[in-house]
């Protein structure tokens, strides 16, 4: 039996990597346009760094991939684990470098690991593209998180998504106004709202609240989200007003109002969030889960040993967005090499020289030597989807020319070196391919 990848991991072959790289490049361009610099950190951290109180929380601790030490005298405090997210390592960097000029605006596109049961949209090794704005306390920084997320997804061709927005500050004050003793159970119930029937969810609420509080909250929760936020403004004050300001500022930055909605059930599982939080869902495709999420985490750097520092950020799940990206983003990215076909050994030096000229222009190419017949080599090229083959025989060597065969149209053209490089340096368009299939009937 052939060896397999470990559970929850995947190999990405060249064609798929070309598609993923196109998405990475789209996200990277947006991050750079907002003046974020790229950061990389080690794949593993000390377990104590990843699991400190106020960090990822007890539930997440069970999902760390721990690294077993080869030293028998290794102390528990020296245990290592693969990173679970990037926010905690970034905060560790900031805590260790307190003199960095604030705000610090960093982004990353990298892999991380979570020890859990793999399922649709969730793998044990997964990739995220994210950004962190550290040192900015104002609502504009949270609004920029939404704007960056919106622009990144839009640049990758993804449309039809909605930011569902809430605040841990609002939730805490709401829980206080309802005289709740067990806030954790209340947050858990909110988080499960979309996964339960209305009757099951309302029964849960009544079990954790006094009758008057339950009746009051359920009356608000049954109404429209905007009405709930407006009603809550009186109960929770500044927190609700801050959310409205954040959405207003995000709209000024280009996020459509229709792409933002208050949702009381957005809680976020990680314990380090302190204010604004959001998750992103595709309208009509909510089954795939949130494709991007984040929020404000003002306490995490102090947890890592640094000075109290305001911070906000987000991450986009690469595996979840890949199936949403239109093929148009990949046009020209999955580029087949040009095949250079010397017809005999005497033509090989000319093929090698042509290959050097093509590579100098960043045109991928491969010299396919004559171990097979020309017919067989052309057949192989056609099966691989090669766009151009360049034939080089005795005549071409003598006249310093090249016969360029367009594998889509079937036409052949005799060109000099410069003409050949120009011709094969232009990818065949989608329209050419459509025309070819139309001609075939």
Protein backbone atom coordinates (compact mmCIF):
# COMPACT_ATOMS: atom_id res chain seq x y z
CA UNK A 1 0.00 0.00 0.00
CA UNK A 2 1.37 3.41 -0.99
CA UNK A 3 2.31 5.84 1.76
CA UNK A 4 -0.37 8.42 2.57
CA UNK A 5 -0.35 11.93 3.99
CA UNK A 6 -1.06 12.20 7.73
CA UNK A 7 -4.72 12.59 8.66
CA UNK A 8 -6.00 16.10 8.08
CA UNK A 9 -3.23 17.17 5.69
CA UNK A 10 -3.01 17.48 1.92
CA UNK A 11 -0.47 17.59 -0.91
CA UNK A 12 -0.81 20.51 -3.33
CA UNK A 13 0.42 19.65 -6.83
CA UNK A 14 1.70 22.37 -9.21
CA UNK A 15 -1.63 23.24 -10.89
CA UNK A 16 -3.37 23.68 -7.54
CA UNK A 17 -0.42 25.58 -6.10
CA UNK A 18 -0.59 27.98 -9.05
CA UNK A 19 -4.21 28.69 -8.13
CA UNK A 20 -3.40 29.11 -4.44
CA UNK A 21 -0.49 31.42 -5.27
CA UNK A 22 -2.83 33.61 -7.34
CA UNK A 23 -5.06 33.99 -4.26
CA UNK A 24 -2.04 34.65 -2.01
CA UNK A 25 -0.85 37.34 -4.42
CA UNK A 26 -4.28 39.00 -4.46
CA UNK A 27 -4.39 39.14 -0.66
CA UNK A 28 -0.75 40.25 -0.39
CA UNK A 29 -1.34 43.15 -2.77
CA UNK A 30 -4.23 44.44 -0.63
CA UNK A 31 -2.25 44.14 2.63
CA UNK A 32 0.65 46.05 1.08
CA UNK A 33 -1.72 48.71 -0.27
CA UNK A 34 -2.88 49.36 3.30
CA UNK A 35 0.76 49.71 4.43
CA UNK A 36 1.05 46.39 6.26
CA UNK A 37 4.47 44.68 6.30
CA UNK A 38 4.86 40.91 6.01
CA UNK A 39 6.04 38.94 9.05
CA UNK A 40 7.10 35.31 9.55
CA UNK A 41 7.53 33.51 12.88
CA UNK A 42 8.69 29.98 13.82
CA UNK A 43 6.26 27.15 13.13
CA UNK A 44 6.50 26.13 16.80
CA UNK A 45 6.45 28.06 20.07
CA UNK A 46 6.80 27.20 23.73
CA UNK A 47 3.54 25.61 24.82
CA UNK A 48 3.38 28.06 27.73
CA UNK A 49 3.39 30.94 25.21
CA UNK A 50 0.46 29.52 23.27
CA UNK A 51 -1.65 28.51 26.27
CA UNK A 52 -1.26 31.34 28.76
CA UNK A 53 -4.33 32.45 30.67
CA UNK A 54 -6.18 34.99 28.58
CA UNK A 55 -4.81 33.39 25.43
CA UNK A 56 -6.40 30.60 23.44
CA UNK A 57 -8.49 29.07 26.22
CA UNK A 58 -8.75 25.62 27.78
CA UNK A 59 -10.67 24.05 24.89
CA UNK A 60 -8.02 25.05 22.38
CA UNK A 61 -5.21 23.67 24.54
CA UNK A 62 -6.41 20.13 23.79
CA UNK A 63 -5.93 20.86 20.08
CA UNK A 64 -2.24 21.74 20.15
CA UNK A 65 0.24 19.53 18.31
CA UNK A 66 2.85 19.08 21.01
CA UNK A 67 6.46 18.27 20.13
CA UNK A 68 8.02 15.50 22.17
CA UNK A 69 11.50 16.32 23.46
CA UNK A 70 14.41 13.92 22.92
CA UNK A 71 15.86 15.00 26.28
CA UNK A 72 14.64 12.98 29.20
CA UNK A 73 15.35 15.82 31.62
CA UNK A 74 13.26 18.30 29.63
CA UNK A 75 11.07 20.33 31.94
CA UNK A 76 7.35 20.75 31.28
CA UNK A 77 7.86 24.49 30.84
CA UNK A 78 10.16 23.79 27.89
CA UNK A 79 7.51 21.80 25.98
CA UNK A 80 7.00 22.99 22.40
CA UNK A 81 3.88 23.02 20.23
CA UNK A 82 3.06 23.92 16.64
CA UNK A 83 1.38 27.31 16.37
CA UNK A 84 -2.40 27.26 16.48
CA UNK A 85 -2.83 30.79 15.15
CA UNK A 86 -0.58 33.75 14.31
CA UNK A 87 -2.00 36.38 16.64
CA UNK A 88 -0.35 34.90 19.72
CA UNK A 89 3.14 34.64 18.13
CA UNK A 90 2.82 38.21 16.82
CA UNK A 91 2.00 39.42 20.33
CA UNK A 92 4.97 37.48 21.67
CA UNK A 93 7.19 39.35 19.16
CA UNK A 94 5.72 42.70 20.26
CA UNK A 95 6.16 41.89 23.95
CA UNK A 96 9.84 41.04 23.31
CA UNK A 97 10.39 44.23 21.29
CA UNK A 98 8.65 47.02 23.25
CA UNK A 99 10.56 49.79 21.46
CA UNK A 100 9.00 49.11 18.05
CA UNK A 101 7.28 52.22 16.75
CA UNK A 102 3.48 51.99 17.13
CA UNK A 103 1.20 51.32 15.52
CA UNK A 104 2.74 48.13 14.18
CA UNK A 105 0.90 46.92 11.07
CA UNK A 106 1.86 43.39 10.03
CA UNK A 107 0.39 40.68 7.80
CA UNK A 108 1.12 37.01 7.16
CA UNK A 109 0.16 34.23 4.76
CA UNK A 110 1.23 30.95 6.29
CA UNK A 111 0.29 27.52 7.58
CA UNK A 112 -0.64 26.44 11.11
CA UNK A 113 -1.89 23.35 12.87
CA UNK A 114 -4.87 22.27 14.96
CA UNK A 115 -5.24 18.79 16.44
CA UNK A 116 -8.91 18.05 15.83
CA UNK A 117 -11.12 15.74 13.85
CA UNK A 118 -10.87 16.81 10.18
CA UNK A 119 -14.14 17.80 8.50
CA UNK A 120 -15.35 19.92 5.61
CA UNK A 121 -13.48 23.22 5.69
CA UNK A 122 -11.34 22.14 8.66
CA UNK A 123 -7.98 20.43 8.36
CA UNK A 124 -5.23 19.66 10.84
CA UNK A 125 -2.77 21.64 8.76
CA UNK A 126 -4.39 24.75 7.33
CA UNK A 127 -3.40 28.12 5.87
CA UNK A 128 -4.50 31.60 6.82
CA UNK A 129 -3.92 35.10 5.46
CA UNK A 130 -4.23 37.68 8.19
CA UNK A 131 -3.24 41.09 9.50
CA UNK A 132 -2.66 42.66 12.91
CA UNK A 133 -2.84 46.38 13.79
CA UNK A 134 -1.12 46.81 17.17
CA UNK A 135 -1.05 50.11 19.00
CA UNK A 136 -4.23 51.69 17.58
CA UNK A 137 -7.08 52.16 20.06
CA UNK A 138 -9.56 54.08 17.92
CA UNK A 139 -12.66 52.74 16.18
CA UNK A 140 -11.04 53.55 12.82
CA UNK A 141 -8.56 50.69 13.32
CA UNK A 142 -11.42 48.20 13.77
CA UNK A 143 -13.18 49.67 10.75
CA UNK A 144 -9.96 49.24 8.74
CA UNK A 145 -9.93 45.54 9.64
CA UNK A 146 -13.32 45.23 7.91
CA UNK A 147 -12.13 47.33 4.95
CA UNK A 148 -8.97 45.25 4.45
CA UNK A 149 -10.97 42.01 4.68
CA UNK A 150 -13.55 43.30 2.21
CA UNK A 151 -10.94 44.48 -0.29
CA UNK A 152 -8.90 41.26 0.00
CA UNK A 153 -11.89 39.02 -0.67
CA UNK A 154 -13.12 41.29 -3.47
CA UNK A 155 -9.68 41.34 -5.12
CA UNK A 156 -9.79 37.53 -5.15
CA UNK A 157 -13.14 37.77 -6.96
CA UNK A 158 -15.27 36.67 -4.01
CA UNK A 159 -18.66 38.40 -3.71
CA UNK A 160 -21.92 37.88 -1.85
CA UNK A 161 -20.51 37.77 1.68
CA UNK A 162 -21.69 39.51 4.85
CA UNK A 163 -19.73 40.58 7.93
CA UNK A 164 -21.68 39.56 11.03
CA UNK A 165 -20.49 41.89 13.76
CA UNK A 166 -20.73 41.92 17.55
CA UNK A 167 -18.71 43.04 20.59
CA UNK A 168 -17.43 41.17 23.62
CA UNK A 169 -17.81 44.44 25.50
CA UNK A 170 -21.49 44.56 24.53
CA UNK A 171 -21.98 40.93 25.51
CA UNK A 172 -20.39 41.42 28.93
CA UNK A 173 -22.57 44.45 29.70
CA UNK A 174 -25.67 42.74 28.33
CA UNK A 175 -25.00 39.75 30.59
CA UNK A 176 -24.66 42.13 33.56
CA UNK A 177 -27.92 43.91 32.67
CA UNK A 178 -29.65 40.51 32.61
CA UNK A 179 -28.19 39.67 36.05
CA UNK A 180 -26.50 36.54 34.72
CA UNK A 181 -24.19 34.63 37.02
CA UNK A 182 -22.89 32.19 34.39
CA UNK A 183 -21.73 34.35 31.48
CA UNK A 184 -19.84 31.47 29.88
CA UNK A 185 -23.05 29.45 29.50
CA UNK A 186 -24.80 32.49 28.02
CA UNK A 187 -22.01 32.95 25.46
CA UNK A 188 -22.13 29.26 24.60
CA UNK A 189 -25.87 29.49 24.02
CA UNK A 190 -25.44 32.53 21.77
CA UNK A 191 -22.74 30.76 19.76
CA UNK A 192 -25.03 27.76 19.16
CA UNK A 193 -28.06 29.80 18.12
CA UNK A 194 -27.74 29.04 14.43
CA UNK A 195 -27.16 25.33 15.07
CA UNK A 196 -30.36 24.72 17.09
CA UNK A 197 -34.06 25.00 16.32
CA UNK A 198 -35.73 28.18 17.67
CA UNK A 199 -37.60 26.12 20.29
CA UNK A 200 -34.43 24.35 21.49
CA UNK A 201 -32.51 27.59 21.69
CA UNK A 202 -35.23 29.50 23.58
CA UNK A 203 -35.55 26.61 26.04
CA UNK A 204 -31.79 26.87 26.73
CA UNK A 205 -32.09 30.62 27.31
CA UNK A 206 -34.91 30.11 29.81
CA UNK A 207 -32.82 27.54 31.67
CA UNK A 208 -29.91 29.94 32.25
CA UNK A 209 -31.87 33.14 32.98
CA UNK A 210 -34.44 34.29 35.49
CA UNK A 211 -37.95 34.34 33.94
CA UNK A 212 -38.13 38.13 33.61
CA UNK A 213 -34.65 38.39 32.10
CA UNK A 214 -35.34 35.52 29.67
CA UNK A 215 -38.62 37.07 28.52
CA UNK A 216 -36.96 40.46 28.01
CA UNK A 217 -33.99 39.07 26.10
CA UNK A 218 -36.03 36.71 23.88
CA UNK A 219 -38.37 39.53 22.90
CA UNK A 220 -35.36 41.52 21.70
CA UNK A 221 -33.70 38.52 20.06
CA UNK A 222 -36.80 37.68 17.99
CA UNK A 223 -36.78 41.11 16.36
CA UNK A 224 -34.52 42.42 13.58
CA UNK A 225 -30.82 42.70 14.41
CA UNK A 226 -30.79 46.47 13.86
CA UNK A 227 -33.66 46.88 16.31
CA UNK A 228 -31.87 44.74 18.86
CA UNK A 229 -28.72 46.86 18.58
CA UNK A 230 -30.74 50.07 18.95
CA UNK A 231 -32.61 48.69 21.98
CA UNK A 232 -29.35 47.51 23.52
CA UNK A 233 -27.78 50.96 23.28
CA UNK A 234 -29.69 52.04 26.36
CA UNK A 235 -28.77 48.88 28.26
CA UNK A 236 -25.11 48.55 27.35
CA UNK A 237 -24.30 52.16 26.43
CA UNK A 238 -20.98 52.99 24.81
CA UNK A 239 -20.27 49.49 23.52
CA UNK A 240 -23.30 49.46 21.21
CA UNK A 241 -22.61 53.02 20.05
CA UNK A 242 -19.01 52.03 19.29
CA UNK A 243 -20.19 49.17 17.06
CA UNK A 244 -22.39 51.59 15.12
CA UNK A 245 -19.46 53.97 14.70
CA UNK A 246 -17.20 51.14 13.48
CA UNK A 247 -19.73 50.16 10.82
CA UNK A 248 -20.15 53.79 9.79
CA UNK A 249 -16.39 54.27 9.43
CA UNK A 250 -16.07 51.00 7.50
CA UNK A 251 -18.74 52.25 5.09
CA UNK A 252 -16.71 55.43 4.59
CA UNK A 253 -13.73 53.19 3.71
CA UNK A 254 -15.69 51.43 0.99
CA UNK A 255 -17.45 48.52 2.72
CA UNK A 256 -21.08 48.44 1.50
CA UNK A 257 -23.67 48.85 4.25
CA UNK A 258 -25.37 45.75 2.87
CA UNK A 259 -22.23 43.73 3.66
CA UNK A 260 -22.39 44.48 7.42
CA UNK A 261 -24.93 43.26 9.97
CA UNK A 262 -25.07 43.20 13.75
CA UNK A 263 -25.49 39.64 15.05
CA UNK A 264 -25.80 38.94 18.78
CA UNK A 265 -24.76 35.28 18.25
CA UNK A 266 -21.20 36.14 17.11
CA UNK A 267 -19.06 35.33 20.14
CA UNK A 268 -15.73 33.98 18.78
CA UNK A 269 -14.24 31.01 20.55
CA UNK A 270 -10.83 32.37 21.55
CA UNK A 271 -10.71 33.92 25.01
CA UNK A 272 -8.43 36.82 24.13
CA UNK A 273 -11.01 39.03 22.39
CA UNK A 274 -11.99 42.14 24.36
CA UNK A 275 -14.21 44.25 22.08
CA UNK A 276 -15.33 44.29 18.43
CA UNK A 277 -15.55 40.81 16.85
CA UNK A 278 -16.81 39.60 13.48
CA UNK A 279 -17.25 36.56 11.27
CA UNK A 280 -17.83 36.45 7.51
CA UNK A 281 -20.44 34.27 5.84
CA UNK A 282 -21.38 33.68 2.22
CA UNK A 283 -25.05 34.41 1.62
CA UNK A 284 -26.71 31.10 0.75
CA UNK A 285 -23.53 29.17 1.57
CA UNK A 286 -23.54 29.46 5.36
CA UNK A 287 -22.89 25.72 5.53
CA UNK A 288 -19.18 26.27 4.75
CA UNK A 289 -18.78 28.34 7.92
CA UNK A 290 -17.00 31.63 8.43
CA UNK A 291 -14.40 32.41 5.75
CA UNK A 292 -12.78 35.30 7.66
CA UNK A 293 -12.95 36.41 11.28
CA UNK A 294 -11.24 38.50 13.91
CA UNK A 295 -11.65 41.38 16.29
CA UNK A 296 -10.06 43.46 19.04
CA UNK A 297 -7.73 41.90 21.64
CA UNK A 298 -6.34 44.64 23.90
CA UNK A 299 -4.99 42.35 26.65
CA UNK A 300 -3.00 39.72 24.79
CA UNK A 301 0.37 41.50 24.63
CA UNK A 302 0.34 42.05 28.40
CA UNK A 303 -0.48 38.33 28.80
CA UNK A 304 2.73 37.63 26.84
CA UNK A 305 4.73 39.83 29.24
CA UNK A 306 4.58 43.16 27.41
CA UNK A 307 3.02 46.48 28.26
CA UNK A 308 -0.78 46.79 27.86
CA UNK A 309 -1.25 47.60 24.17
CA UNK A 310 -4.45 47.96 22.11
CA UNK A 311 -4.65 45.60 19.14
CA UNK A 312 -7.06 44.42 16.46
CA UNK A 313 -6.85 42.08 13.46
CA UNK A 314 -8.33 39.30 11.38
CA UNK A 315 -7.54 36.10 9.45
CA UNK A 316 -8.95 34.61 6.23
CA UNK A 317 -9.23 30.82 5.95
CA UNK A 318 -7.47 29.84 2.73
CA UNK A 319 -9.01 26.36 2.44
CA UNK A 320 -12.52 27.78 2.78
CA UNK A 321 -12.11 30.54 0.21
CA UNK A 322 -10.41 28.51 -2.51
CA UNK A 323 -13.69 27.00 -3.71
CA UNK A 324 -15.25 30.48 -3.92
CA UNK A 325 -12.62 32.12 -6.13
CA UNK A 326 -13.75 32.46 -9.78
CA UNK A 327 -11.67 30.88 -12.53
CA UNK A 328 -11.06 34.34 -14.02
CA UNK A 329 -8.51 35.02 -11.25
CA UNK A 330 -6.41 32.13 -12.52
CA UNK A 331 -6.46 33.09 -16.20
CA UNK A 332 -2.86 32.92 -17.35
CA UNK A 333 -1.59 31.74 -13.93
CA UNK A 334 -1.61 28.01 -14.69
CA UNK A 335 0.80 28.45 -17.60
CA UNK A 336 2.05 25.43 -19.49
CA UNK A 337 5.68 25.55 -20.64
CA UNK A 338 6.63 26.04 -24.26
CA UNK A 339 7.91 22.76 -25.72
CA UNK A 340 11.11 23.08 -27.76
CA UNK A 341 11.35 20.04 -30.06
CA UNK A 342 14.74 19.50 -31.75
CA UNK A 343 14.12 17.09 -34.61
CA UNK A 344 17.60 15.57 -34.36
CA UNK A 345 20.76 15.85 -32.26
CA UNK A 346 22.23 18.58 -34.47
CA UNK A 347 19.29 20.87 -33.53
CA UNK A 348 19.73 20.48 -29.78
CA UNK A 349 22.22 23.40 -29.37
CA UNK A 350 19.74 25.72 -31.12
CA UNK A 351 16.94 24.47 -28.82
CA UNK A 352 19.09 25.11 -25.74
CA UNK A 353 19.93 28.61 -26.99
CA UNK A 354 16.24 29.30 -27.60
CA UNK A 355 15.42 28.04 -24.09
CA UNK A 356 17.87 30.53 -22.59
CA UNK A 357 16.26 33.38 -24.55
CA UNK A 358 12.77 32.36 -23.39
CA UNK A 359 13.75 32.01 -19.74
CA UNK A 360 15.39 35.45 -19.84
CA UNK A 361 11.89 36.75 -20.67
CA UNK A 362 10.32 34.65 -17.87
CA UNK A 363 8.66 32.31 -20.36
CA UNK A 364 8.69 28.75 -18.96
CA UNK A 365 9.96 26.17 -21.43
CA UNK A 366 11.25 22.64 -21.70
CA UNK A 367 13.62 21.09 -24.26
CA UNK A 368 11.98 17.78 -25.23
CA UNK A 369 14.76 15.79 -26.87
CA UNK A 370 14.18 13.31 -29.63
CA UNK A 371 13.91 10.05 -27.70
CA UNK A 372 10.39 9.69 -29.12
CA UNK A 373 9.04 10.33 -32.61
CA UNK A 374 7.87 13.85 -33.41
CA UNK A 375 4.27 12.60 -33.65
CA UNK A 376 4.51 11.07 -30.20
CA UNK A 377 6.06 14.21 -28.70
CA UNK A 378 3.34 16.40 -30.23
CA UNK A 379 0.73 14.00 -28.87
CA UNK A 380 2.26 14.24 -25.39
CA UNK A 381 2.23 18.04 -25.65
CA UNK A 382 -1.43 18.05 -26.64
CA UNK A 383 -2.38 15.77 -23.73
CA UNK A 384 -0.58 18.07 -21.29
CA UNK A 385 -2.37 21.14 -22.62
CA UNK A 386 0.80 22.71 -24.02
CA UNK A 387 -0.03 25.91 -25.91
CA UNK A 388 3.01 26.21 -28.15
CA UNK A 389 5.57 23.80 -29.58
CA UNK A 390 8.70 25.09 -31.32
CA UNK A 391 10.09 22.71 -33.95
CA UNK A 392 13.76 22.92 -34.87
CA UNK A 393 15.16 20.85 -37.75
CA UNK A 394 18.03 21.06 -40.23
CA UNK A 395 16.36 23.88 -42.19
CA UNK A 396 15.67 25.94 -39.04
CA UNK A 397 19.26 25.50 -37.84
CA UNK A 398 20.64 26.53 -41.23
CA UNK A 399 18.38 29.59 -41.56
CA UNK A 400 18.42 30.46 -37.83
CA UNK A 401 14.63 30.25 -37.67
CA UNK A 402 12.03 28.39 -35.63
CA UNK A 403 8.73 26.77 -36.60
CA UNK A 404 6.14 27.82 -33.99
CA UNK A 405 3.13 25.50 -33.80
CA UNK A 406 0.02 26.87 -32.07
CA UNK A 407 -1.41 23.75 -30.40
CA UNK A 408 -4.89 25.27 -30.08
CA UNK A 409 -5.40 26.50 -33.66
CA UNK A 410 -3.02 24.01 -35.28
CA UNK A 411 -1.31 26.75 -37.33
CA UNK A 412 2.46 26.86 -37.88
CA UNK A 413 4.60 29.97 -38.42
CA UNK A 414 8.28 30.28 -39.35
CA UNK A 415 9.92 33.01 -37.23
CA UNK A 416 13.36 34.28 -36.27
CA UNK A 417 14.51 34.19 -32.62
CA UNK A 418 12.98 37.54 -31.66
CA UNK A 419 9.70 36.77 -33.40
CA UNK A 420 9.52 33.34 -31.80
CA UNK A 421 10.08 34.73 -28.30
CA UNK A 422 7.40 37.38 -28.84
CA UNK A 423 4.91 34.85 -30.23
CA UNK A 424 5.15 32.20 -27.53
CA UNK A 425 5.49 34.76 -24.73
CA UNK A 426 1.77 35.58 -25.04
CA UNK A 427 -0.54 32.98 -23.46
CA UNK A 428 -3.39 31.72 -25.60
CA UNK A 429 -6.60 33.40 -24.45
CA UNK A 430 -9.79 31.76 -23.24
CA UNK A 431 -11.51 33.13 -26.36
CA UNK A 432 -9.06 31.19 -28.56
CA UNK A 433 -9.92 27.99 -26.73
CA UNK A 434 -13.67 28.61 -27.05
CA UNK A 435 -13.20 29.20 -30.76
CA UNK A 436 -11.30 25.94 -31.12
CA UNK A 437 -14.05 23.91 -29.49
CA UNK A 438 -16.73 25.75 -31.49
CA UNK A 439 -14.93 24.82 -34.71
CA UNK A 440 -14.93 21.18 -33.62
CA UNK A 441 -18.71 21.40 -33.43
